[in-house]
N, C-alpha and C. Protein backbone atom coordinates (compact mmCIF):
# COMPACT_ATOMS: atom_id res chain seq x y z
N UNK A 1 -85.79 125.45 -177.95
CA UNK A 1 -86.50 125.68 -176.72
C UNK A 1 -85.89 126.90 -176.03
N UNK A 2 -86.73 127.77 -175.56
CA UNK A 2 -86.26 128.98 -174.90
C UNK A 2 -85.76 128.65 -173.50
N UNK A 3 -84.94 129.51 -172.91
CA UNK A 3 -84.49 129.27 -171.54
C UNK A 3 -85.65 129.16 -170.56
N UNK A 4 -86.71 129.94 -170.78
CA UNK A 4 -87.88 129.86 -169.89
C UNK A 4 -88.54 128.48 -170.00
N UNK A 5 -88.61 127.94 -171.22
CA UNK A 5 -89.18 126.61 -171.41
C UNK A 5 -88.32 125.55 -170.71
N UNK A 6 -87.00 125.72 -170.79
CA UNK A 6 -86.10 124.77 -170.13
C UNK A 6 -86.32 124.79 -168.61
N UNK A 7 -86.47 125.97 -168.06
CA UNK A 7 -86.70 126.10 -166.61
C UNK A 7 -88.02 125.44 -166.23
N UNK A 8 -89.05 125.67 -167.03
CA UNK A 8 -90.36 125.08 -166.74
C UNK A 8 -90.32 123.56 -166.81
N UNK A 9 -89.65 123.02 -167.81
CA UNK A 9 -89.56 121.56 -167.92
C UNK A 9 -88.77 120.96 -166.77
N UNK A 10 -87.71 121.66 -166.36
CA UNK A 10 -86.94 121.17 -165.20
C UNK A 10 -87.82 121.19 -163.95
N UNK A 11 -88.63 122.23 -163.79
CA UNK A 11 -89.53 122.31 -162.64
C UNK A 11 -90.48 121.12 -162.61
N UNK A 12 -91.01 120.75 -163.76
CA UNK A 12 -91.93 119.61 -163.85
C UNK A 12 -91.21 118.32 -163.49
N UNK A 13 -90.00 118.12 -164.01
CA UNK A 13 -89.24 116.90 -163.69
C UNK A 13 -88.94 116.80 -162.20
N UNK A 14 -88.57 117.93 -161.59
CA UNK A 14 -88.27 117.91 -160.16
C UNK A 14 -89.53 117.67 -159.33
N UNK A 15 -90.67 118.19 -159.79
CA UNK A 15 -91.93 117.91 -159.10
C UNK A 15 -92.27 116.43 -159.21
N UNK A 16 -91.97 115.83 -160.36
CA UNK A 16 -92.19 114.39 -160.53
C UNK A 16 -91.29 113.61 -159.58
N UNK A 17 -90.06 114.08 -159.39
CA UNK A 17 -89.13 113.41 -158.47
C UNK A 17 -89.69 113.43 -157.04
N UNK A 18 -90.28 114.55 -156.66
CA UNK A 18 -90.84 114.60 -155.30
C UNK A 18 -92.04 113.66 -155.17
N UNK A 19 -92.79 113.48 -156.25
CA UNK A 19 -93.91 112.52 -156.23
C UNK A 19 -93.39 111.09 -156.15
N UNK A 20 -92.29 110.79 -156.87
CA UNK A 20 -91.69 109.46 -156.76
C UNK A 20 -91.23 109.21 -155.33
N UNK A 21 -90.61 110.24 -154.72
CA UNK A 21 -90.13 110.11 -153.34
C UNK A 21 -91.29 109.88 -152.37
N UNK A 22 -92.46 110.41 -152.71
CA UNK A 22 -93.64 110.25 -151.86
C UNK A 22 -94.33 108.90 -152.10
N UNK A 23 -93.80 108.11 -153.04
CA UNK A 23 -94.35 106.78 -153.28
C UNK A 23 -95.30 106.66 -154.45
N UNK A 24 -95.41 107.69 -155.27
CA UNK A 24 -96.30 107.62 -156.43
C UNK A 24 -95.73 106.68 -157.48
N UNK A 25 -96.61 105.99 -158.17
CA UNK A 25 -96.16 105.08 -159.23
C UNK A 25 -95.86 105.87 -160.50
N UNK A 26 -95.19 105.20 -161.43
CA UNK A 26 -94.88 105.84 -162.71
C UNK A 26 -96.16 106.21 -163.45
N UNK A 27 -97.15 105.34 -163.39
CA UNK A 27 -98.42 105.61 -164.08
C UNK A 27 -99.11 106.84 -163.49
N UNK A 28 -99.06 106.96 -162.15
CA UNK A 28 -99.67 108.13 -161.51
C UNK A 28 -98.96 109.42 -161.93
N UNK A 29 -97.64 109.36 -161.96
CA UNK A 29 -96.86 110.54 -162.36
C UNK A 29 -97.16 110.89 -163.82
N UNK A 30 -97.25 109.88 -164.67
CA UNK A 30 -97.55 110.13 -166.09
C UNK A 30 -98.90 110.83 -166.23
N UNK A 31 -99.91 110.36 -165.50
CA UNK A 31 -101.24 110.99 -165.57
C UNK A 31 -101.22 112.40 -164.99
N UNK A 32 -100.58 112.55 -163.83
CA UNK A 32 -100.58 113.84 -163.15
C UNK A 32 -99.88 114.93 -163.96
N UNK A 33 -98.76 114.58 -164.58
CA UNK A 33 -97.98 115.59 -165.30
C UNK A 33 -98.23 115.57 -166.81
N UNK A 34 -99.19 114.73 -167.21
CA UNK A 34 -99.58 114.65 -168.62
C UNK A 34 -98.40 114.37 -169.54
N UNK A 35 -97.67 113.31 -169.20
CA UNK A 35 -96.57 112.85 -170.04
C UNK A 35 -96.84 111.39 -170.39
N UNK A 36 -96.09 110.87 -171.33
CA UNK A 36 -96.27 109.47 -171.71
C UNK A 36 -95.70 108.56 -170.63
N UNK A 37 -96.20 107.34 -170.55
CA UNK A 37 -95.63 106.40 -169.58
C UNK A 37 -94.13 106.18 -169.79
N UNK A 38 -93.70 106.22 -171.04
CA UNK A 38 -92.27 106.05 -171.34
C UNK A 38 -91.45 107.18 -170.72
N UNK A 39 -91.95 108.41 -170.81
CA UNK A 39 -91.25 109.55 -170.22
C UNK A 39 -91.20 109.41 -168.70
N UNK A 40 -92.32 109.04 -168.10
CA UNK A 40 -92.35 108.85 -166.64
C UNK A 40 -91.38 107.74 -166.23
N UNK A 41 -91.29 106.69 -167.02
CA UNK A 41 -90.36 105.60 -166.72
C UNK A 41 -88.91 106.08 -166.80
N UNK A 42 -88.61 106.88 -167.82
CA UNK A 42 -87.25 107.42 -167.97
C UNK A 42 -86.90 108.33 -166.79
N UNK A 43 -87.85 109.18 -166.38
CA UNK A 43 -87.63 110.05 -165.22
C UNK A 43 -87.40 109.22 -163.97
N UNK A 44 -88.20 108.17 -163.80
CA UNK A 44 -88.09 107.33 -162.61
C UNK A 44 -86.72 106.65 -162.57
N UNK A 45 -86.29 106.13 -163.71
CA UNK A 45 -84.99 105.47 -163.78
C UNK A 45 -83.86 106.46 -163.43
N UNK A 46 -83.92 107.67 -164.00
CA UNK A 46 -82.91 108.69 -163.68
C UNK A 46 -82.96 109.07 -162.20
N UNK A 47 -84.16 109.21 -161.67
CA UNK A 47 -84.32 109.57 -160.26
C UNK A 47 -83.75 108.48 -159.36
N UNK A 48 -83.98 107.20 -159.70
CA UNK A 48 -83.45 106.11 -158.88
C UNK A 48 -81.93 106.04 -158.92
N UNK A 49 -81.34 106.26 -160.09
CA UNK A 49 -79.88 106.11 -160.23
C UNK A 49 -79.10 107.36 -159.82
N UNK A 50 -79.66 108.54 -160.14
CA UNK A 50 -78.89 109.77 -159.91
C UNK A 50 -79.55 110.74 -158.94
N UNK A 51 -80.75 110.45 -158.52
CA UNK A 51 -81.46 111.38 -157.64
C UNK A 51 -81.98 112.56 -158.42
N UNK A 52 -82.30 113.63 -157.70
CA UNK A 52 -82.83 114.83 -158.36
C UNK A 52 -81.84 115.43 -159.34
N UNK A 53 -80.55 115.25 -159.09
CA UNK A 53 -79.53 115.81 -159.99
C UNK A 53 -79.68 115.25 -161.41
N UNK A 54 -80.13 114.00 -161.52
CA UNK A 54 -80.32 113.40 -162.83
C UNK A 54 -81.46 114.02 -163.62
N UNK A 55 -82.36 114.70 -162.94
CA UNK A 55 -83.50 115.32 -163.60
C UNK A 55 -83.31 116.81 -163.84
N UNK A 56 -82.20 117.35 -163.41
CA UNK A 56 -81.93 118.77 -163.64
C UNK A 56 -81.55 119.00 -165.10
N UNK A 57 -81.80 120.20 -165.57
CA UNK A 57 -81.50 120.55 -166.95
C UNK A 57 -80.00 120.56 -167.18
N UNK A 58 -79.59 120.06 -168.32
CA UNK A 58 -78.17 120.06 -168.69
C UNK A 58 -77.81 121.34 -169.43
N UNK A 59 -78.77 122.23 -169.60
CA UNK A 59 -78.51 123.48 -170.29
C UNK A 59 -78.86 123.38 -171.76
N UNK A 60 -78.52 124.39 -172.50
CA UNK A 60 -78.84 124.44 -173.92
C UNK A 60 -78.10 123.34 -174.66
N UNK A 61 -78.80 122.69 -175.57
CA UNK A 61 -78.19 121.60 -176.31
C UNK A 61 -77.33 122.07 -177.46
N UNK A 62 -77.46 123.29 -177.88
CA UNK A 62 -76.70 123.75 -179.04
C UNK A 62 -75.89 124.99 -178.67
N UNK A 63 -74.72 124.73 -178.13
CA UNK A 63 -73.83 125.82 -177.75
C UNK A 63 -73.02 126.23 -178.97
N UNK A 64 -72.87 127.51 -179.19
CA UNK A 64 -72.10 128.02 -180.32
C UNK A 64 -70.63 127.67 -180.13
N UNK A 65 -70.02 127.11 -181.16
CA UNK A 65 -68.61 126.70 -181.04
C UNK A 65 -67.65 127.78 -181.53
N UNK A 66 -68.19 128.93 -181.92
CA UNK A 66 -67.35 130.05 -182.31
C UNK A 66 -67.49 131.15 -181.27
N UNK A 67 -66.37 131.75 -180.85
CA UNK A 67 -66.47 132.83 -179.88
C UNK A 67 -66.85 134.13 -180.59
N UNK A 68 -67.02 135.20 -179.84
CA UNK A 68 -67.48 136.47 -180.42
C UNK A 68 -66.51 137.02 -181.46
N UNK A 69 -65.22 136.86 -181.21
CA UNK A 69 -64.22 137.34 -182.17
C UNK A 69 -64.32 136.55 -183.48
N UNK A 70 -64.49 135.23 -183.38
CA UNK A 70 -64.63 134.40 -184.57
C UNK A 70 -65.91 134.75 -185.34
N UNK A 71 -66.98 135.02 -184.60
CA UNK A 71 -68.24 135.38 -185.25
C UNK A 71 -68.11 136.70 -186.01
N UNK A 72 -67.39 137.66 -185.44
CA UNK A 72 -67.17 138.93 -186.11
C UNK A 72 -66.33 138.71 -187.38
N UNK A 73 -65.34 137.84 -187.28
CA UNK A 73 -64.51 137.53 -188.45
C UNK A 73 -65.32 136.80 -189.52
N UNK A 74 -66.20 135.88 -189.10
CA UNK A 74 -67.05 135.17 -190.06
C UNK A 74 -67.97 136.16 -190.78
N UNK A 75 -68.51 137.12 -190.06
CA UNK A 75 -69.38 138.11 -190.68
C UNK A 75 -68.62 138.92 -191.72
N UNK A 76 -67.39 139.29 -191.42
CA UNK A 76 -66.57 140.04 -192.38
C UNK A 76 -66.30 139.18 -193.62
N UNK A 77 -66.06 137.90 -193.42
CA UNK A 77 -65.82 136.99 -194.54
C UNK A 77 -67.07 136.90 -195.41
N UNK A 78 -68.22 136.76 -194.79
CA UNK A 78 -69.47 136.65 -195.55
C UNK A 78 -69.76 137.93 -196.32
N UNK A 79 -69.46 139.06 -195.75
CA UNK A 79 -69.71 140.34 -196.42
C UNK A 79 -68.80 140.53 -197.64
N UNK A 80 -67.60 139.97 -197.58
CA UNK A 80 -66.67 140.07 -198.72
C UNK A 80 -67.16 139.25 -199.90
N UNK A 81 -67.92 138.20 -199.64
CA UNK A 81 -68.42 137.34 -200.71
C UNK A 81 -67.56 136.11 -200.89
N UNK A 82 -68.03 135.15 -201.68
CA UNK A 82 -67.32 133.89 -201.84
C UNK A 82 -66.16 133.94 -202.84
N UNK A 83 -65.98 135.05 -203.55
CA UNK A 83 -64.90 135.17 -204.54
C UNK A 83 -63.52 134.84 -204.01
N UNK A 84 -63.10 135.39 -202.86
CA UNK A 84 -61.77 135.10 -202.35
C UNK A 84 -61.52 133.62 -202.04
N UNK A 85 -62.58 132.83 -201.97
CA UNK A 85 -62.43 131.40 -201.68
C UNK A 85 -62.53 130.55 -202.93
N UNK A 86 -62.54 131.20 -204.11
CA UNK A 86 -62.48 130.46 -205.36
C UNK A 86 -63.80 130.21 -206.07
N UNK A 87 -64.90 130.69 -205.55
CA UNK A 87 -66.18 130.49 -206.23
C UNK A 87 -66.42 131.67 -207.17
N UNK A 88 -66.87 131.38 -208.38
CA UNK A 88 -67.04 132.42 -209.39
C UNK A 88 -68.26 133.30 -209.16
N UNK A 89 -69.35 132.70 -208.70
CA UNK A 89 -70.55 133.50 -208.51
C UNK A 89 -70.56 134.11 -207.11
N UNK A 90 -71.55 134.95 -206.85
CA UNK A 90 -71.62 135.66 -205.58
C UNK A 90 -72.68 135.07 -204.65
N UNK A 91 -72.84 133.73 -204.69
CA UNK A 91 -73.83 133.07 -203.85
C UNK A 91 -73.15 132.37 -202.70
N UNK A 92 -73.62 132.66 -201.49
CA UNK A 92 -73.21 131.89 -200.33
C UNK A 92 -74.25 130.79 -200.14
N UNK A 93 -73.81 129.56 -200.16
CA UNK A 93 -74.71 128.45 -199.83
C UNK A 93 -74.30 127.92 -198.46
N UNK A 94 -75.16 127.15 -197.83
CA UNK A 94 -74.83 126.59 -196.52
C UNK A 94 -73.59 125.71 -196.62
N UNK A 95 -73.49 124.95 -197.70
CA UNK A 95 -72.33 124.07 -197.87
C UNK A 95 -71.04 124.89 -197.99
N UNK A 96 -71.09 125.96 -198.72
CA UNK A 96 -69.91 126.82 -198.87
C UNK A 96 -69.52 127.46 -197.54
N UNK A 97 -70.51 127.93 -196.81
CA UNK A 97 -70.23 128.56 -195.52
C UNK A 97 -69.64 127.54 -194.55
N UNK A 98 -70.18 126.32 -194.55
CA UNK A 98 -69.64 125.26 -193.69
C UNK A 98 -68.19 124.98 -194.04
N UNK A 99 -67.90 124.96 -195.34
CA UNK A 99 -66.52 124.72 -195.80
C UNK A 99 -65.58 125.83 -195.33
N UNK A 100 -66.05 127.08 -195.45
CA UNK A 100 -65.22 128.22 -195.02
C UNK A 100 -65.01 128.20 -193.51
N UNK A 101 -66.05 127.86 -192.75
CA UNK A 101 -65.91 127.80 -191.29
C UNK A 101 -64.87 126.75 -190.91
N UNK A 102 -64.93 125.60 -191.58
CA UNK A 102 -63.95 124.55 -191.27
C UNK A 102 -62.54 124.98 -191.66
N UNK A 103 -62.43 125.62 -192.82
CA UNK A 103 -61.13 126.06 -193.32
C UNK A 103 -60.53 127.17 -192.43
N UNK A 104 -61.35 128.14 -192.04
CA UNK A 104 -60.85 129.30 -191.29
C UNK A 104 -60.74 129.07 -189.79
N UNK A 105 -61.68 128.30 -189.22
CA UNK A 105 -61.74 128.18 -187.77
C UNK A 105 -61.47 126.77 -187.26
N UNK A 106 -61.40 125.79 -188.18
CA UNK A 106 -61.15 124.42 -187.77
C UNK A 106 -62.31 123.77 -187.05
N UNK A 107 -63.52 124.27 -187.29
CA UNK A 107 -64.72 123.76 -186.62
C UNK A 107 -65.66 123.24 -187.69
N UNK A 108 -66.18 122.02 -187.52
CA UNK A 108 -67.11 121.48 -188.50
C UNK A 108 -68.55 121.71 -188.03
N UNK A 109 -69.37 122.11 -188.97
CA UNK A 109 -70.80 122.32 -188.74
C UNK A 109 -71.57 121.53 -189.79
N UNK A 110 -72.71 121.00 -189.41
CA UNK A 110 -73.62 120.42 -190.39
C UNK A 110 -74.31 121.57 -191.10
N UNK A 111 -75.00 121.26 -192.20
CA UNK A 111 -75.72 122.32 -192.91
C UNK A 111 -76.79 122.93 -192.02
N UNK A 112 -77.49 122.07 -191.27
CA UNK A 112 -78.51 122.58 -190.34
C UNK A 112 -77.86 123.45 -189.26
N UNK A 113 -76.68 123.05 -188.81
CA UNK A 113 -75.97 123.84 -187.80
C UNK A 113 -75.55 125.19 -188.33
N UNK A 114 -75.12 125.24 -189.59
CA UNK A 114 -74.75 126.52 -190.21
C UNK A 114 -75.99 127.41 -190.29
N UNK A 115 -77.12 126.81 -190.69
CA UNK A 115 -78.36 127.59 -190.78
C UNK A 115 -78.74 128.17 -189.43
N UNK A 116 -78.67 127.37 -188.37
CA UNK A 116 -79.00 127.86 -187.04
C UNK A 116 -78.04 128.96 -186.60
N UNK A 117 -76.76 128.76 -186.87
CA UNK A 117 -75.75 129.76 -186.52
C UNK A 117 -76.05 131.09 -187.20
N UNK A 118 -76.32 131.04 -188.51
CA UNK A 118 -76.60 132.27 -189.24
C UNK A 118 -77.89 132.92 -188.77
N UNK A 119 -78.91 132.10 -188.52
CA UNK A 119 -80.20 132.63 -188.08
C UNK A 119 -80.07 133.32 -186.72
N UNK A 120 -79.29 132.71 -185.81
CA UNK A 120 -79.10 133.32 -184.48
C UNK A 120 -78.42 134.67 -184.54
N UNK A 121 -77.63 134.88 -185.59
CA UNK A 121 -76.85 136.11 -185.67
C UNK A 121 -77.39 137.07 -186.73
N UNK A 122 -78.68 136.90 -187.08
CA UNK A 122 -79.35 137.89 -187.90
C UNK A 122 -79.26 137.71 -189.40
N UNK A 123 -78.65 136.67 -189.89
CA UNK A 123 -78.58 136.44 -191.33
C UNK A 123 -79.85 135.72 -191.75
N UNK A 124 -80.29 135.97 -192.96
CA UNK A 124 -81.51 135.32 -193.44
C UNK A 124 -81.28 134.75 -194.83
N UNK A 125 -82.19 133.89 -195.21
CA UNK A 125 -82.15 133.30 -196.55
C UNK A 125 -82.53 134.37 -197.56
N UNK A 126 -81.72 134.54 -198.55
CA UNK A 126 -82.01 135.53 -199.58
C UNK A 126 -82.30 134.83 -200.89
N UNK A 127 -83.35 135.25 -201.54
CA UNK A 127 -83.67 134.73 -202.86
C UNK A 127 -83.36 135.80 -203.88
N UNK A 128 -83.01 135.41 -205.10
CA UNK A 128 -82.69 136.42 -206.11
C UNK A 128 -83.86 137.38 -206.33
N UNK A 129 -83.55 138.66 -206.47
CA UNK A 129 -84.58 139.67 -206.66
C UNK A 129 -85.07 139.67 -208.10
N UNK A 130 -84.28 139.13 -209.02
CA UNK A 130 -84.68 139.10 -210.42
C UNK A 130 -84.26 137.77 -211.03
N UNK A 131 -84.75 137.52 -212.21
CA UNK A 131 -84.42 136.27 -212.89
C UNK A 131 -83.04 136.38 -213.52
N UNK A 132 -82.47 135.22 -213.81
CA UNK A 132 -81.14 135.19 -214.43
C UNK A 132 -81.17 135.89 -215.78
N UNK A 133 -80.07 136.57 -216.11
CA UNK A 133 -79.98 137.27 -217.39
C UNK A 133 -80.03 136.29 -218.56
N UNK A 134 -79.55 135.07 -218.33
CA UNK A 134 -79.49 134.07 -219.40
C UNK A 134 -80.86 133.47 -219.72
N UNK A 135 -81.85 133.72 -218.91
CA UNK A 135 -83.17 133.11 -219.09
C UNK A 135 -83.81 133.60 -220.38
N UNK A 136 -84.36 132.65 -221.14
CA UNK A 136 -85.05 132.97 -222.38
C UNK A 136 -86.50 132.52 -222.21
N UNK A 137 -87.39 133.47 -221.94
CA UNK A 137 -88.78 133.15 -221.66
C UNK A 137 -89.48 132.46 -222.82
N UNK A 138 -89.13 132.82 -224.07
CA UNK A 138 -89.76 132.20 -225.24
C UNK A 138 -89.41 130.71 -225.31
N UNK A 139 -88.17 130.38 -225.04
CA UNK A 139 -87.74 128.98 -225.05
C UNK A 139 -88.41 128.20 -223.93
N UNK A 140 -88.53 128.80 -222.77
CA UNK A 140 -89.20 128.15 -221.64
C UNK A 140 -90.65 127.88 -222.00
N UNK A 141 -91.33 128.85 -222.60
CA UNK A 141 -92.73 128.68 -222.98
C UNK A 141 -92.89 127.58 -224.02
N UNK A 142 -92.02 127.55 -225.00
CA UNK A 142 -92.07 126.51 -226.04
C UNK A 142 -91.86 125.13 -225.42
N UNK A 143 -90.87 125.03 -224.56
CA UNK A 143 -90.60 123.74 -223.91
C UNK A 143 -91.80 123.29 -223.08
N UNK A 144 -92.41 124.23 -222.36
CA UNK A 144 -93.56 123.89 -221.51
C UNK A 144 -94.71 123.37 -222.35
N UNK A 145 -94.95 123.95 -223.53
CA UNK A 145 -96.06 123.52 -224.37
C UNK A 145 -95.76 122.24 -225.14
N UNK A 146 -94.53 122.08 -225.64
CA UNK A 146 -94.23 120.97 -226.55
C UNK A 146 -93.53 119.79 -225.87
N UNK A 147 -92.53 120.05 -225.08
CA UNK A 147 -91.72 118.97 -224.51
C UNK A 147 -92.31 118.40 -223.22
N UNK A 148 -92.82 119.26 -222.37
CA UNK A 148 -93.31 118.81 -221.06
C UNK A 148 -94.41 117.75 -221.16
N UNK A 149 -95.40 117.90 -222.05
CA UNK A 149 -96.42 116.84 -222.13
C UNK A 149 -95.83 115.47 -222.50
N UNK A 150 -94.75 115.45 -223.27
CA UNK A 150 -94.13 114.17 -223.63
C UNK A 150 -93.37 113.56 -222.45
N UNK A 151 -92.85 114.40 -221.58
CA UNK A 151 -92.08 113.93 -220.42
C UNK A 151 -93.01 113.54 -219.28
N UNK A 152 -94.05 114.31 -219.09
CA UNK A 152 -94.98 114.11 -217.98
C UNK A 152 -95.77 112.82 -218.21
N UNK A 153 -95.87 111.96 -217.20
CA UNK A 153 -96.64 110.73 -217.38
C UNK A 153 -98.13 111.06 -217.54
N UNK A 154 -98.85 110.26 -218.35
CA UNK A 154 -100.27 110.55 -218.54
C UNK A 154 -101.06 110.25 -217.28
N UNK A 155 -102.15 110.94 -217.11
CA UNK A 155 -103.02 110.71 -215.95
C UNK A 155 -103.79 109.42 -216.17
N UNK A 156 -104.14 108.79 -215.08
CA UNK A 156 -104.95 107.58 -215.18
C UNK A 156 -106.32 107.97 -215.73
N UNK A 157 -106.90 107.11 -216.54
CA UNK A 157 -108.23 107.45 -217.06
C UNK A 157 -109.26 107.49 -215.96
N UNK A 158 -110.21 108.36 -216.10
CA UNK A 158 -111.26 108.50 -215.09
C UNK A 158 -112.24 107.35 -215.27
N UNK A 159 -112.26 106.47 -214.29
CA UNK A 159 -113.18 105.34 -214.33
C UNK A 159 -113.71 105.13 -212.93
N UNK A 160 -114.93 104.64 -212.81
CA UNK A 160 -115.45 104.39 -211.48
C UNK A 160 -114.64 103.31 -210.79
N UNK A 161 -114.48 103.46 -209.51
CA UNK A 161 -113.73 102.48 -208.75
C UNK A 161 -114.16 102.52 -207.30
N UNK A 162 -113.56 101.68 -206.52
CA UNK A 162 -113.90 101.62 -205.10
C UNK A 162 -112.63 101.58 -204.29
N UNK A 163 -112.65 102.25 -203.17
CA UNK A 163 -111.51 102.21 -202.28
C UNK A 163 -111.59 101.03 -201.33
N UNK A 164 -112.71 100.35 -201.33
CA UNK A 164 -112.90 99.22 -200.44
C UNK A 164 -112.31 97.97 -201.07
N UNK A 165 -111.54 97.23 -200.28
CA UNK A 165 -110.96 96.00 -200.83
C UNK A 165 -111.96 94.85 -200.81
N UNK A 166 -113.03 95.00 -200.06
CA UNK A 166 -114.02 93.92 -199.96
C UNK A 166 -115.22 94.12 -200.86
N UNK A 167 -115.48 95.35 -201.23
CA UNK A 167 -116.66 95.61 -202.06
C UNK A 167 -116.24 96.38 -203.30
N UNK A 168 -116.20 95.71 -204.41
CA UNK A 168 -115.81 96.35 -205.65
C UNK A 168 -116.98 97.17 -206.18
N UNK A 169 -116.66 98.23 -206.88
CA UNK A 169 -117.68 99.11 -207.41
C UNK A 169 -118.46 98.38 -208.52
N UNK A 170 -119.73 98.66 -208.59
CA UNK A 170 -120.55 98.06 -209.65
C UNK A 170 -120.58 99.00 -210.82
N UNK A 171 -120.21 98.52 -211.97
CA UNK A 171 -120.17 99.36 -213.17
C UNK A 171 -121.46 99.25 -213.95
């Protein structure tokens, strides 16, 4: 959610608080602000216990746990490649990056968190530009023609049927 979206949602919650203060019911607030009754109930409960402060935005939910210096160091690590960390190939995976972040900075990230971190800082998913050198197209073609049909389950025979459980198809 963008900061502008957060501000707008906070504005709506605070407007709902003023309607609660004016005596509006939860159902009325739900209809007026086009939210579910459950959301209106949650807002009402927060408003009763904490006042308007309970409906204010808590800020961004995903704060970066690495400072600018750490991010610059992480970028340098990624540019060097995974070799210095013991991986033979030159592929950075999210799991490997998460492992390096924990090892170097003492901060744990989920794979989704690593993806968000990289995306925020301009890194993107890269796919190989060419096929592996070890690939043998003739063997792949042979396997596809001969082995795959034996592995693949057969299709159900085409027969008339009915999707209705009460009326069976007449054959």
